[in-house]
Amino acid sequence: MARDASEELFDVEDGAAVVRVHVQPGAGRTAVVGRHGASLKVRVAAPPVGGKANHAAAELLAATFGVKARDVELVSGERSRLKRFRVRGAEIEDVEAGLRRVLSEAGSRVGEPRRRPV
C-alpha cells in the first residue's frame, strides 16, 4: 500500500509521532507553508536567538495537532533549521489528519499576494 504524503513527514517512535520540520525563523508571520523535501516547512516570526524560534515552532505544532505546547518536545536540531519534534498526547491518525489539513491549507495559499491591496 502506498504511503499517504503526510506520513512521509513523520516517524512513530515509542508510540508518539516524531515530525520532521524545516523552520525558517524571523519571518513576517508564523505559519505552516508547505513541504521542504521530507519535512514540514514552517515559518516563525520569532528570531533564532535563545531558543525563541524553537519555542514558536513547538507552539505552532501544538496548535496544529490539538495538543498542549508542553506535549511537543524538540528531539533534535536545536541549532539547525532541520528539526525533529516529538508530539505526545495525539493519536497517530490525528497527526496524519492535522498534516493533511495544514498542507492543504498551505497549498490553497500558493500564489496569494503577501499583502492584500487596500
N, C-alpha and C. Protein backbone atom coordinates (compact mmCIF):
# COMPACT_ATOMS: atom_id res chain seq x y z
N MET A 1 0.84 -1.18 0.00
CA MET A 1 0.00 0.00 0.00
C MET A 1 0.89 1.24 0.00
N ALA A 2 0.53 2.23 -0.80
CA ALA A 2 1.29 3.47 -0.89
C ALA A 2 1.10 4.30 0.38
N ARG A 3 2.14 4.98 0.77
CA ARG A 3 2.05 5.83 1.95
C ARG A 3 1.37 7.14 1.58
N ASP A 4 0.59 7.65 2.50
CA ASP A 4 -0.03 8.96 2.38
C ASP A 4 1.10 9.99 2.39
N ALA A 5 0.96 11.08 1.65
CA ALA A 5 2.01 12.10 1.59
C ALA A 5 2.32 12.66 2.97
N SER A 6 1.33 12.73 3.85
CA SER A 6 1.57 13.27 5.19
C SER A 6 2.41 12.30 6.02
N GLU A 7 2.33 10.99 5.74
CA GLU A 7 3.10 10.01 6.50
C GLU A 7 4.59 10.12 6.25
N GLU A 8 4.99 10.70 5.13
CA GLU A 8 6.40 10.86 4.82
C GLU A 8 7.07 11.90 5.72
N LEU A 9 6.27 12.67 6.43
CA LEU A 9 6.78 13.78 7.22
C LEU A 9 7.06 13.43 8.68
N PHE A 10 6.70 12.21 9.09
CA PHE A 10 6.92 11.84 10.48
C PHE A 10 7.22 10.36 10.60
N ASP A 11 7.80 10.00 11.75
CA ASP A 11 8.06 8.62 12.12
C ASP A 11 7.32 8.36 13.42
N VAL A 12 7.10 7.09 13.73
CA VAL A 12 6.49 6.73 15.00
C VAL A 12 7.58 6.11 15.86
N GLU A 13 7.82 6.72 17.02
CA GLU A 13 8.83 6.23 17.96
C GLU A 13 8.20 6.16 19.34
N ASP A 14 8.23 5.00 19.94
CA ASP A 14 7.66 4.80 21.29
C ASP A 14 6.21 5.27 21.37
N GLY A 15 5.44 5.02 20.32
CA GLY A 15 4.02 5.36 20.31
C GLY A 15 3.70 6.81 20.06
N ALA A 16 4.71 7.64 19.82
CA ALA A 16 4.49 9.06 19.56
C ALA A 16 4.99 9.41 18.16
N ALA A 17 4.36 10.40 17.55
CA ALA A 17 4.81 10.87 16.24
C ALA A 17 6.00 11.79 16.43
N VAL A 18 7.03 11.60 15.60
CA VAL A 18 8.18 12.49 15.59
C VAL A 18 8.19 13.13 14.20
N VAL A 19 7.85 14.42 14.17
CA VAL A 19 7.65 15.15 12.92
C VAL A 19 8.95 15.84 12.53
N ARG A 20 9.31 15.68 11.25
CA ARG A 20 10.47 16.38 10.69
C ARG A 20 10.00 17.76 10.23
N VAL A 21 10.70 18.80 10.69
CA VAL A 21 10.27 20.18 10.43
C VAL A 21 11.45 21.00 9.95
N HIS A 22 11.21 21.79 8.90
CA HIS A 22 12.18 22.76 8.42
C HIS A 22 11.67 24.12 8.88
N VAL A 23 12.43 24.78 9.75
CA VAL A 23 11.99 26.04 10.36
C VAL A 23 12.72 27.21 9.74
N GLN A 24 11.94 28.22 9.33
CA GLN A 24 12.50 29.47 8.83
C GLN A 24 12.20 30.54 9.86
N PRO A 25 13.18 30.92 10.68
CA PRO A 25 12.95 31.92 11.73
C PRO A 25 12.96 33.35 11.17
N GLY A 26 12.44 34.28 11.96
CA GLY A 26 12.47 35.69 11.59
C GLY A 26 11.56 36.04 10.43
N ALA A 27 10.53 35.25 10.20
CA ALA A 27 9.60 35.51 9.10
C ALA A 27 8.60 36.59 9.50
N GLY A 28 7.86 37.08 8.54
CA GLY A 28 6.86 38.10 8.81
C GLY A 28 5.68 37.58 9.60
N ARG A 29 5.40 36.30 9.48
CA ARG A 29 4.27 35.71 10.20
C ARG A 29 4.61 34.26 10.52
N THR A 30 3.91 33.70 11.49
CA THR A 30 4.10 32.31 11.89
C THR A 30 3.04 31.47 11.22
N ALA A 31 3.46 30.48 10.42
CA ALA A 31 2.50 29.64 9.71
C ALA A 31 3.20 28.42 9.12
N VAL A 32 2.40 27.39 8.87
CA VAL A 32 2.85 26.25 8.09
C VAL A 32 2.73 26.68 6.64
N VAL A 33 3.80 26.51 5.86
CA VAL A 33 3.78 26.98 4.48
C VAL A 33 3.88 25.86 3.45
N GLY A 34 4.00 24.62 3.88
CA GLY A 34 4.04 23.51 2.94
C GLY A 34 5.08 22.48 3.33
N ARG A 35 5.75 21.97 2.30
CA ARG A 35 6.77 20.93 2.48
C ARG A 35 8.12 21.47 2.08
N HIS A 36 9.14 20.85 2.65
CA HIS A 36 10.52 21.10 2.24
C HIS A 36 11.15 19.71 2.19
N GLY A 37 11.09 19.08 1.04
CA GLY A 37 11.56 17.71 0.90
C GLY A 37 10.70 16.79 1.75
N ALA A 38 11.33 16.07 2.68
CA ALA A 38 10.60 15.14 3.55
C ALA A 38 10.30 15.78 4.90
N SER A 39 10.21 17.13 4.92
CA SER A 39 9.93 17.86 6.16
C SER A 39 8.75 18.79 5.96
N LEU A 40 8.09 19.10 7.06
CA LEU A 40 7.05 20.11 7.07
C LEU A 40 7.75 21.46 7.17
N LYS A 41 7.43 22.39 6.29
CA LYS A 41 8.09 23.70 6.32
C LYS A 41 7.21 24.68 7.08
N VAL A 42 7.82 25.32 8.08
CA VAL A 42 7.11 26.33 8.86
C VAL A 42 7.95 27.60 8.90
N ARG A 43 7.25 28.71 8.95
CA ARG A 43 7.90 30.00 9.16
C ARG A 43 7.45 30.49 10.52
N VAL A 44 8.39 31.04 11.28
CA VAL A 44 8.04 31.61 12.57
C VAL A 44 8.57 33.02 12.64
N ALA A 45 7.79 33.89 13.27
CA ALA A 45 8.19 35.29 13.39
C ALA A 45 9.32 35.47 14.39
N ALA A 46 9.45 34.55 15.31
CA ALA A 46 10.47 34.65 16.36
C ALA A 46 11.88 34.55 15.76
N PRO A 47 12.83 35.27 16.37
CA PRO A 47 14.21 35.20 15.89
C PRO A 47 14.90 33.92 16.37
N PRO A 48 15.98 33.53 15.69
CA PRO A 48 16.70 32.32 16.10
C PRO A 48 17.68 32.59 17.23
N VAL A 49 17.20 33.20 18.30
CA VAL A 49 18.05 33.59 19.42
C VAL A 49 17.46 33.03 20.70
N GLY A 50 18.28 32.38 21.47
CA GLY A 50 17.84 31.89 22.78
C GLY A 50 16.71 30.88 22.73
N GLY A 51 16.59 30.13 21.65
CA GLY A 51 15.56 29.11 21.55
C GLY A 51 14.17 29.64 21.24
N LYS A 52 14.06 30.94 20.94
CA LYS A 52 12.75 31.54 20.68
C LYS A 52 12.08 30.93 19.45
N ALA A 53 12.83 30.72 18.38
CA ALA A 53 12.26 30.13 17.16
C ALA A 53 11.83 28.69 17.41
N ASN A 54 12.61 27.95 18.18
CA ASN A 54 12.24 26.57 18.51
C ASN A 54 10.94 26.54 19.31
N HIS A 55 10.82 27.44 20.27
CA HIS A 55 9.62 27.52 21.10
C HIS A 55 8.41 27.89 20.24
N ALA A 56 8.57 28.85 19.34
CA ALA A 56 7.47 29.26 18.46
C ALA A 56 7.05 28.12 17.53
N ALA A 57 8.02 27.37 17.03
CA ALA A 57 7.71 26.22 16.16
C ALA A 57 6.95 25.16 16.96
N ALA A 58 7.37 24.91 18.19
CA ALA A 58 6.68 23.92 19.03
C ALA A 58 5.24 24.36 19.30
N GLU A 59 5.03 25.64 19.57
CA GLU A 59 3.68 26.14 19.81
C GLU A 59 2.81 26.01 18.57
N LEU A 60 3.38 26.28 17.40
CA LEU A 60 2.64 26.14 16.14
C LEU A 60 2.25 24.68 15.92
N LEU A 61 3.18 23.76 16.18
CA LEU A 61 2.87 22.34 16.02
C LEU A 61 1.81 21.89 17.02
N ALA A 62 1.88 22.39 18.24
CA ALA A 62 0.87 22.04 19.25
C ALA A 62 -0.52 22.47 18.77
N ALA A 63 -0.62 23.67 18.24
CA ALA A 63 -1.90 24.16 17.73
C ALA A 63 -2.35 23.33 16.52
N THR A 64 -1.42 22.95 15.69
CA THR A 64 -1.74 22.15 14.50
C THR A 64 -2.32 20.80 14.88
N PHE A 65 -1.77 20.17 15.91
CA PHE A 65 -2.19 18.82 16.28
C PHE A 65 -3.16 18.79 17.46
N GLY A 66 -3.54 19.94 17.96
CA GLY A 66 -4.53 20.00 19.03
C GLY A 66 -4.05 19.46 20.36
N VAL A 67 -2.78 19.70 20.66
CA VAL A 67 -2.22 19.28 21.95
C VAL A 67 -1.68 20.51 22.66
N LYS A 68 -1.30 20.35 23.91
CA LYS A 68 -0.70 21.45 24.66
C LYS A 68 0.76 21.61 24.26
N ALA A 69 1.26 22.83 24.37
CA ALA A 69 2.65 23.12 23.98
C ALA A 69 3.64 22.23 24.72
N ARG A 70 3.35 21.87 25.96
CA ARG A 70 4.27 21.02 26.73
C ARG A 70 4.33 19.60 26.17
N ASP A 71 3.37 19.22 25.31
CA ASP A 71 3.36 17.89 24.71
C ASP A 71 4.17 17.82 23.41
N VAL A 72 4.78 18.93 23.01
CA VAL A 72 5.63 18.96 21.82
C VAL A 72 7.05 19.22 22.28
N GLU A 73 7.92 18.25 22.02
CA GLU A 73 9.30 18.29 22.52
C GLU A 73 10.28 18.28 21.36
N LEU A 74 11.24 19.18 21.40
CA LEU A 74 12.31 19.20 20.41
C LEU A 74 13.23 18.02 20.68
N VAL A 75 13.36 17.13 19.70
CA VAL A 75 14.17 15.93 19.85
C VAL A 75 15.58 16.16 19.30
N SER A 76 15.67 16.85 18.16
CA SER A 76 16.98 17.11 17.58
C SER A 76 16.91 18.35 16.69
N GLY A 77 18.07 18.95 16.46
CA GLY A 77 18.16 20.11 15.58
C GLY A 77 18.04 21.44 16.28
N GLU A 78 18.45 21.50 17.53
CA GLU A 78 18.30 22.73 18.31
C GLU A 78 18.85 23.96 17.60
N ARG A 79 19.99 23.81 16.93
CA ARG A 79 20.63 24.95 16.26
C ARG A 79 20.60 24.84 14.74
N SER A 80 19.76 23.96 14.24
CA SER A 80 19.65 23.73 12.80
C SER A 80 18.26 24.13 12.33
N ARG A 81 18.11 24.40 11.06
CA ARG A 81 16.77 24.64 10.51
C ARG A 81 15.99 23.34 10.42
N LEU A 82 16.70 22.22 10.25
CA LEU A 82 16.05 20.92 10.18
C LEU A 82 15.94 20.36 11.59
N LYS A 83 14.71 20.14 12.03
CA LYS A 83 14.46 19.72 13.40
C LYS A 83 13.53 18.53 13.44
N ARG A 84 13.50 17.87 14.58
CA ARG A 84 12.55 16.79 14.82
C ARG A 84 11.84 17.09 16.13
N PHE A 85 10.50 17.08 16.07
CA PHE A 85 9.68 17.34 17.25
C PHE A 85 8.84 16.11 17.56
N ARG A 86 8.86 15.68 18.82
CA ARG A 86 8.01 14.57 19.27
C ARG A 86 6.69 15.17 19.74
N VAL A 87 5.58 14.59 19.24
CA VAL A 87 4.24 15.05 19.60
C VAL A 87 3.59 13.97 20.44
N ARG A 88 3.37 14.26 21.71
CA ARG A 88 2.69 13.33 22.61
C ARG A 88 1.26 13.81 22.81
N GLY A 89 0.39 12.89 23.20
CA GLY A 89 -0.98 13.26 23.51
C GLY A 89 -1.90 13.33 22.31
N ALA A 90 -1.41 12.92 21.15
CA ALA A 90 -2.23 12.90 19.94
C ALA A 90 -2.12 11.51 19.32
N GLU A 91 -3.23 10.99 18.87
CA GLU A 91 -3.22 9.72 18.16
C GLU A 91 -2.50 9.91 16.82
N ILE A 92 -1.86 8.86 16.33
CA ILE A 92 -1.14 8.93 15.06
C ILE A 92 -2.09 9.36 13.94
N GLU A 93 -3.33 8.87 13.97
CA GLU A 93 -4.31 9.26 12.95
C GLU A 93 -4.61 10.76 13.01
N ASP A 94 -4.60 11.33 14.22
CA ASP A 94 -4.84 12.77 14.36
C ASP A 94 -3.65 13.57 13.82
N VAL A 95 -2.46 13.05 13.99
CA VAL A 95 -1.27 13.71 13.44
C VAL A 95 -1.36 13.69 11.91
N GLU A 96 -1.69 12.54 11.34
CA GLU A 96 -1.84 12.45 9.88
C GLU A 96 -2.89 13.43 9.39
N ALA A 97 -4.04 13.47 10.06
CA ALA A 97 -5.12 14.36 9.65
C ALA A 97 -4.70 15.82 9.77
N GLY A 98 -3.99 16.17 10.84
CA GLY A 98 -3.51 17.54 11.01
C GLY A 98 -2.54 17.94 9.93
N LEU A 99 -1.63 17.02 9.57
CA LEU A 99 -0.68 17.30 8.49
C LEU A 99 -1.39 17.48 7.15
N ARG A 100 -2.34 16.59 6.86
CA ARG A 100 -3.10 16.73 5.61
C ARG A 100 -3.82 18.07 5.54
N ARG A 101 -4.42 18.46 6.68
CA ARG A 101 -5.18 19.71 6.73
C ARG A 101 -4.27 20.92 6.49
N VAL A 102 -3.15 21.01 7.22
CA VAL A 102 -2.29 22.19 7.08
C VAL A 102 -1.60 22.23 5.72
N LEU A 103 -1.28 21.06 5.17
CA LEU A 103 -0.69 21.04 3.83
C LEU A 103 -1.70 21.49 2.78
N SER A 104 -2.94 21.08 2.96
CA SER A 104 -4.00 21.51 2.05
C SER A 104 -4.21 23.01 2.14
N GLU A 105 -4.26 23.54 3.37
CA GLU A 105 -4.44 24.97 3.57
C GLU A 105 -3.26 25.75 3.01
N ALA A 106 -2.05 25.24 3.20
CA ALA A 106 -0.86 25.91 2.68
C ALA A 106 -0.89 25.92 1.16
N GLY A 107 -1.33 24.81 0.56
CA GLY A 107 -1.43 24.73 -0.90
C GLY A 107 -2.44 25.70 -1.46
N SER A 108 -3.50 25.97 -0.71
CA SER A 108 -4.52 26.89 -1.20
C SER A 108 -4.05 28.33 -1.15
N ARG A 109 -2.98 28.61 -0.38
CA ARG A 109 -2.45 29.98 -0.29
C ARG A 109 -1.37 30.25 -1.32
N VAL A 110 -0.91 29.24 -2.04
CA VAL A 110 0.16 29.43 -3.02
C VAL A 110 -0.29 30.43 -4.06
N GLY A 111 0.54 31.41 -4.32
CA GLY A 111 0.24 32.41 -5.32
C GLY A 111 -0.52 33.61 -4.79
N GLU A 112 -0.97 33.57 -3.54
CA GLU A 112 -1.66 34.72 -2.98
C GLU A 112 -0.63 35.81 -2.69
N PRO A 113 -1.02 37.07 -2.85
CA PRO A 113 -0.08 38.15 -2.51
C PRO A 113 0.17 38.16 -1.02
N ARG A 114 1.36 38.61 -0.64
CA ARG A 114 1.69 38.67 0.77
C ARG A 114 0.82 39.69 1.50
N ARG A 115 0.56 40.79 0.82
CA ARG A 115 -0.29 41.82 1.41
C ARG A 115 -1.43 42.10 0.46
N ARG A 116 -2.58 42.16 1.00
CA ARG A 116 -3.75 42.43 0.20
C ARG A 116 -3.85 43.95 -0.06
N PRO A 117 -4.20 44.33 -1.30
CA PRO A 117 -4.36 45.77 -1.59
C PRO A 117 -5.51 46.33 -0.75
N VAL A 118 -5.36 47.56 -0.34
CA VAL A 118 -6.38 48.21 0.49
C VAL A 118 -7.43 48.87 -0.36
